Amino acid sequence: MADKDHIAKLIELGDDLASLKHAQEIAAQALKAAGEPPFPKNGCAATLSALLKLAGIDVPMTLGAGKLAHILGGQISSRGWAHIPVGEQQPGDVGVTFDFGGVPGADHVYLVLHTVTTDHMIIADNQAPEPHLRYASGKGGKTPTDYFLRAS
């Protein structure tokens, strides 16, 4: 099965409070085992890795937004997810943000569950125990989204 065949399940898991909590618990355990700061700090890639795996997409537990973005849609040895411009995102896409003031590379990844407008989305990540609002533009004090990845 191709990754895109698992996207409906991925959205279902991200939208379900118990499943999202389970993925966040898996992420917390992975961070602890790696000696990283406690969840939710830096837990976005671990949370998304857990959701992807639970949905049937065979990705390793990955710590680091940039590493996971590369695994999904990097130029070499990736799963071949397509890069989608901001404004064309749809449920099941993975948002990738960059904070150019810190460590180089992606600093956050999240799962789009619902699009309300081209900017306003409901997402799942490590930053809340339930699906929550995020703007692709960064409105509300978040890092703007640089691009989206879509399973192909």
C-alpha atoms as a PDB file:
ATOM      1  CA  MET A   1       0.000   0.000   0.000  1.00  0.00           C
ATOM      2  CA  ALA A   2       1.179   3.502  -0.767  1.00  0.00           C
ATOM      3  CA  ASP A   3       1.363   6.101   2.009  1.00  0.00           C
ATOM      4  CA  LYS A   4      -1.594   7.960   0.490  1.00  0.00           C
ATOM      5  CA  ASP A   5      -3.758   4.882   1.110  1.00  0.00           C
ATOM      6  CA  HIS A   6      -3.301   5.404   4.863  1.00  0.00           C
ATOM      7  CA  ILE A   7      -4.168   9.129   5.004  1.00  0.00           C
ATOM      8  CA  ALA A   8      -7.858   8.664   5.915  1.00  0.00           C
ATOM      9  CA  LYS A   9      -6.764   6.562   8.913  1.00  0.00           C
ATOM     10  CA  LEU A  10      -4.100   9.138   9.824  1.00  0.00           C
ATOM     11  CA  ILE A  11      -6.703  11.932   9.886  1.00  0.00           C
ATOM     12  CA  GLU A  12      -9.083   9.747  11.905  1.00  0.00           C
ATOM     13  CA  LEU A  13      -6.369   9.069  14.515  1.00  0.00           C
ATOM     14  CA  GLY A  14      -5.307  12.713  14.739  1.00  0.00           C
ATOM     15  CA  ASP A  15      -8.926  13.795  15.178  1.00  0.00           C
ATOM     16  CA  ASP A  16      -9.633  11.241  17.934  1.00  0.00           C
ATOM     17  CA  LEU A  17      -8.726  12.437  21.451  1.00  0.00           C
ATOM     18  CA  ALA A  18      -7.767   8.978  22.746  1.00  0.00           C
ATOM     19  CA  SER A  19      -5.629   8.185  19.696  1.00  0.00           C
ATOM     20  CA  LEU A  20      -3.880  11.562  19.780  1.00  0.00           C
ATOM     21  CA  LYS A  21      -3.194  11.109  23.508  1.00  0.00           C
ATOM     22  CA  HIS A  22      -1.784   7.638  22.800  1.00  0.00           C
ATOM     23  CA  ALA A  23       0.534   9.048  20.104  1.00  0.00           C
ATOM     24  CA  GLN A  24       1.668  11.793  22.492  1.00  0.00           C
ATOM     25  CA  GLU A  25       2.399   9.175  25.177  1.00  0.00           C
ATOM     26  CA  ILE A  26       4.521   7.206  22.685  1.00  0.00           C
ATOM     27  CA  ALA A  27       6.328  10.453  21.816  1.00  0.00           C
ATOM     28  CA  ALA A  28       6.946  11.248  25.499  1.00  0.00           C
ATOM     29  CA  GLN A  29       8.473   7.794  26.030  1.00  0.00           C
ATOM     30  CA  ALA A  30      10.735   8.207  22.985  1.00  0.00           C
ATOM     31  CA  LEU A  31      11.939  11.621  24.157  1.00  0.00           C
ATOM     32  CA  LYS A  32      12.649  10.269  27.639  1.00  0.00           C
ATOM     33  CA  ALA A  33      14.528   7.249  26.250  1.00  0.00           C
ATOM     34  CA  ALA A  34      16.685   9.600  24.147  1.00  0.00           C
ATOM     35  CA  GLY A  35      17.503  11.815  27.149  1.00  0.00           C
ATOM     36  CA  GLU A  36      15.667  14.779  25.632  1.00  0.00           C
ATOM     37  CA  PRO A  37      13.727  17.423  27.596  1.00  0.00           C
ATOM     38  CA  PRO A  38      10.332  16.167  28.753  1.00  0.00           C
ATOM     39  CA  PHE A  39       7.319  16.169  26.433  1.00  0.00           C
ATOM     40  CA  PRO A  40       5.859  18.335  24.949  1.00  0.00           C
ATOM     41  CA  LYS A  41       9.104  20.270  24.317  1.00  0.00           C
ATOM     42  CA  ASN A  42      10.527  19.290  20.932  1.00  0.00           C
ATOM     43  CA  GLY A  43       7.930  16.517  20.640  1.00  0.00           C
ATOM     44  CA  CYS A  44       6.308  17.432  17.329  1.00  0.00           C
ATOM     45  CA  ALA A  45       8.216  14.968  15.142  1.00  0.00           C
ATOM     46  CA  ALA A  46       7.882  12.204  17.726  1.00  0.00           C
ATOM     47  CA  THR A  47       4.119  12.776  17.961  1.00  0.00           C
ATOM     48  CA  LEU A  48       3.714  12.823  14.183  1.00  0.00           C
ATOM     49  CA  SER A  49       5.972   9.748  13.827  1.00  0.00           C
ATOM     50  CA  ALA A  50       3.733   7.888  16.272  1.00  0.00           C
ATOM     51  CA  LEU A  51       0.558   8.938  14.434  1.00  0.00           C
ATOM     52  CA  LEU A  52       2.032   7.920  11.069  1.00  0.00           C
ATOM     53  CA  LYS A  53       3.083   4.529  12.427  1.00  0.00           C
ATOM     54  CA  LEU A  54      -0.315   3.950  14.091  1.00  0.00           C
ATOM     55  CA  ALA A  55      -1.972   4.740  10.746  1.00  0.00           C
ATOM     56  CA  GLY A  56       0.131   2.092   8.985  1.00  0.00           C
ATOM     57  CA  ILE A  57       2.792   4.330   7.432  1.00  0.00           C
ATOM     58  CA  ASP A  58       6.135   2.682   8.134  1.00  0.00           C
ATOM     59  CA  VAL A  59       8.322   5.493   9.435  1.00  0.00           C
ATOM     60  CA  PRO A  60      10.833   5.180  12.263  1.00  0.00           C
ATOM     61  CA  MET A  61      10.324   7.041  15.533  1.00  0.00           C
ATOM     62  CA  THR A  62      11.953  10.319  14.590  1.00  0.00           C
ATOM     63  CA  LEU A  63      13.078  13.145  16.849  1.00  0.00           C
ATOM     64  CA  GLY A  64      13.507  16.437  15.050  1.00  0.00           C
ATOM     65  CA  ALA A  65      11.137  18.211  12.681  1.00  0.00           C
ATOM     66  CA  GLY A  66      13.764  18.567   9.954  1.00  0.00           C
ATOM     67  CA  LYS A  67      14.628  14.867  10.086  1.00  0.00           C
ATOM     68  CA  LEU A  68      10.994  13.835   9.757  1.00  0.00           C
ATOM     69  CA  ALA A  69      10.365  16.327   6.933  1.00  0.00           C
ATOM     70  CA  HIS A  70      13.366  14.834   5.110  1.00  0.00           C
ATOM     71  CA  ILE A  71      12.139  11.259   5.671  1.00  0.00           C
ATOM     72  CA  LEU A  72       8.757  12.147   4.190  1.00  0.00           C
ATOM     73  CA  GLY A  73       9.730  14.492   1.368  1.00  0.00           C
ATOM     74  CA  GLY A  74      13.471  14.943   1.109  1.00  0.00           C
ATOM     75  CA  GLN A  75      15.323  14.955  -2.191  1.00  0.00           C
ATOM     76  CA  ILE A  76      17.219  11.711  -1.551  1.00  0.00           C
ATOM     77  CA  SER A  77      16.053   8.443   0.035  1.00  0.00           C
ATOM     78  CA  SER A  78      12.714   9.789   1.203  1.00  0.00           C
ATOM     79  CA  ARG A  79       9.175   8.461   0.997  1.00  0.00           C
ATOM     80  CA  GLY A  80       8.531  10.835  -1.923  1.00  0.00           C
ATOM     81  CA  TRP A  81       5.823  13.024  -0.418  1.00  0.00           C
ATOM     82  CA  ALA A  82       5.107  16.023  -2.648  1.00  0.00           C
ATOM     83  CA  HIS A  83       5.898  19.588  -1.587  1.00  0.00           C
ATOM     84  CA  ILE A  84       2.699  21.653  -1.571  1.00  0.00           C
ATOM     85  CA  PRO A  85       2.640  25.465  -1.344  1.00  0.00           C
ATOM     86  CA  VAL A  86       0.925  27.233   1.528  1.00  0.00           C
ATOM     87  CA  GLY A  87      -2.679  27.921   0.619  1.00  0.00           C
ATOM     88  CA  GLU A  88      -3.135  24.614  -1.215  1.00  0.00           C
ATOM     89  CA  GLN A  89      -3.021  22.380   1.862  1.00  0.00           C
ATOM     90  CA  GLN A  90      -5.684  19.784   2.544  1.00  0.00           C
ATOM     91  CA  PRO A  91      -6.480  17.340   5.361  1.00  0.00           C
ATOM     92  CA  GLY A  92      -3.733  14.749   5.733  1.00  0.00           C
ATOM     93  CA  ASP A  93      -0.930  17.111   4.716  1.00  0.00           C
ATOM     94  CA  VAL A  94       2.016  17.736   7.033  1.00  0.00           C
ATOM     95  CA  GLY A  95       2.869  21.369   7.713  1.00  0.00           C
ATOM     96  CA  VAL A  96       6.573  22.255   7.966  1.00  0.00           C
ATOM     97  CA  THR A  97       7.724  25.485   9.611  1.00  0.00           C
ATOM     98  CA  PHE A  98      11.150  27.131   9.801  1.00  0.00           C
ATOM     99  CA  ASP A  99      12.447  29.443  12.505  1.00  0.00           C
ATOM    100  CA  PHE A 100      15.400  31.176  10.918  1.00  0.00           C
ATOM    101  CA  GLY A 101      16.537  32.594  14.276  1.00  0.00           C
ATOM    102  CA  GLY A 102      17.466  29.232  15.799  1.00  0.00           C
ATOM    103  CA  VAL A 103      18.996  25.985  14.654  1.00  0.00           C
ATOM    104  CA  PRO A 104      18.970  25.712  10.843  1.00  0.00           C
ATOM    105  CA  GLY A 105      16.204  23.614   9.308  1.00  0.00           C
ATOM    106  CA  ALA A 106      12.594  22.833  10.073  1.00  0.00           C
ATOM    107  CA  ASP A 107      11.563  23.592  13.629  1.00  0.00           C
ATOM    108  CA  HIS A 108       7.996  22.237  13.703  1.00  0.00           C
ATOM    109  CA  VAL A 109       5.806  19.715  11.904  1.00  0.00           C
ATOM    110  CA  TYR A 110       2.092  19.126  12.318  1.00  0.00           C
ATOM    111  CA  LEU A 111      -0.792  17.200  10.791  1.00  0.00           C
ATOM    112  CA  VAL A 112      -3.597  19.095   9.037  1.00  0.00           C
ATOM    113  CA  LEU A 113      -6.951  17.621  10.067  1.00  0.00           C
ATOM    114  CA  HIS A 114      -9.369  20.212   8.646  1.00  0.00           C
ATOM    115  CA  THR A 115      -8.973  23.309   6.510  1.00  0.00           C
ATOM    116  CA  VAL A 116     -11.331  26.183   7.271  1.00  0.00           C
ATOM    117  CA  THR A 117      -9.724  28.711   4.919  1.00  0.00           C
ATOM    118  CA  THR A 118      -6.408  28.773   3.045  1.00  0.00           C
ATOM    119  CA  ASP A 119      -4.857  30.092   6.287  1.00  0.00           C
ATOM    120  CA  HIS A 120      -7.045  28.698   9.096  1.00  0.00           C
ATOM    121  CA  MET A 121      -6.708  24.995   9.923  1.00  0.00           C
ATOM    122  CA  ILE A 122      -7.429  22.509  12.691  1.00  0.00           C
ATOM    123  CA  ILE A 123      -4.300  20.453  13.348  1.00  0.00           C
ATOM    124  CA  ALA A 124      -2.827  17.758  15.574  1.00  0.00           C
ATOM    125  CA  ASP A 125       0.644  18.035  17.102  1.00  0.00           C
ATOM    126  CA  ASN A 126       2.441  18.044  20.445  1.00  0.00           C
ATOM    127  CA  GLN A 127       1.300  21.521  21.464  1.00  0.00           C
ATOM    128  CA  ALA A 128      -2.169  20.584  22.765  1.00  0.00           C
ATOM    129  CA  PRO A 129      -3.823  17.387  23.998  1.00  0.00           C
ATOM    130  CA  GLU A 130      -6.573  17.829  21.413  1.00  0.00           C
ATOM    131  CA  PRO A 131      -6.894  19.032  17.821  1.00  0.00           C
ATOM    132  CA  HIS A 132      -6.511  22.806  17.779  1.00  0.00           C
ATOM    133  CA  LEU A 133      -6.403  25.949  15.655  1.00  0.00           C
ATOM    134  CA  ARG A 134      -3.336  26.978  13.696  1.00  0.00           C
ATOM    135  CA  TYR A 135      -2.841  29.547  10.960  1.00  0.00           C
ATOM    136  CA  ALA A 136      -0.470  28.770   8.097  1.00  0.00           C
ATOM    137  CA  SER A 137       0.562  32.445   8.160  1.00  0.00           C
ATOM    138  CA  GLY A 138       1.718  32.158  11.774  1.00  0.00           C
ATOM    139  CA  LYS A 139      -1.022  34.466  13.030  1.00  0.00           C
ATOM    140  CA  GLY A 140      -1.386  34.160  16.790  1.00  0.00           C
ATOM    141  CA  GLY A 141       2.324  34.051  17.564  1.00  0.00           C
ATOM    142  CA  LYS A 142       3.272  30.800  15.828  1.00  0.00           C
ATOM    143  CA  THR A 143       6.015  30.256  13.270  1.00  0.00           C
ATOM    144  CA  PRO A 144       4.655  30.634   9.720  1.00  0.00           C
ATOM    145  CA  THR A 145       4.378  27.456   7.675  1.00  0.00           C
ATOM    146  CA  ASP A 146       6.961  27.249   4.910  1.00  0.00           C
ATOM    147  CA  TYR A 147       5.362  24.372   2.943  1.00  0.00           C
ATOM    148  CA  PHE A 148       3.242  21.251   3.255  1.00  0.00           C
ATOM    149  CA  LEU A 149       4.042  17.635   2.451  1.00  0.00           C
ATOM    150  CA  ARG A 150       1.433  15.383   0.843  1.00  0.00           C
ATOM    151  CA  ALA A 151       1.560  11.610   0.569  1.00  0.00           C
ATOM    152  CA  SER A 152       1.804  10.357  -2.970  1.00  0.00           C
END
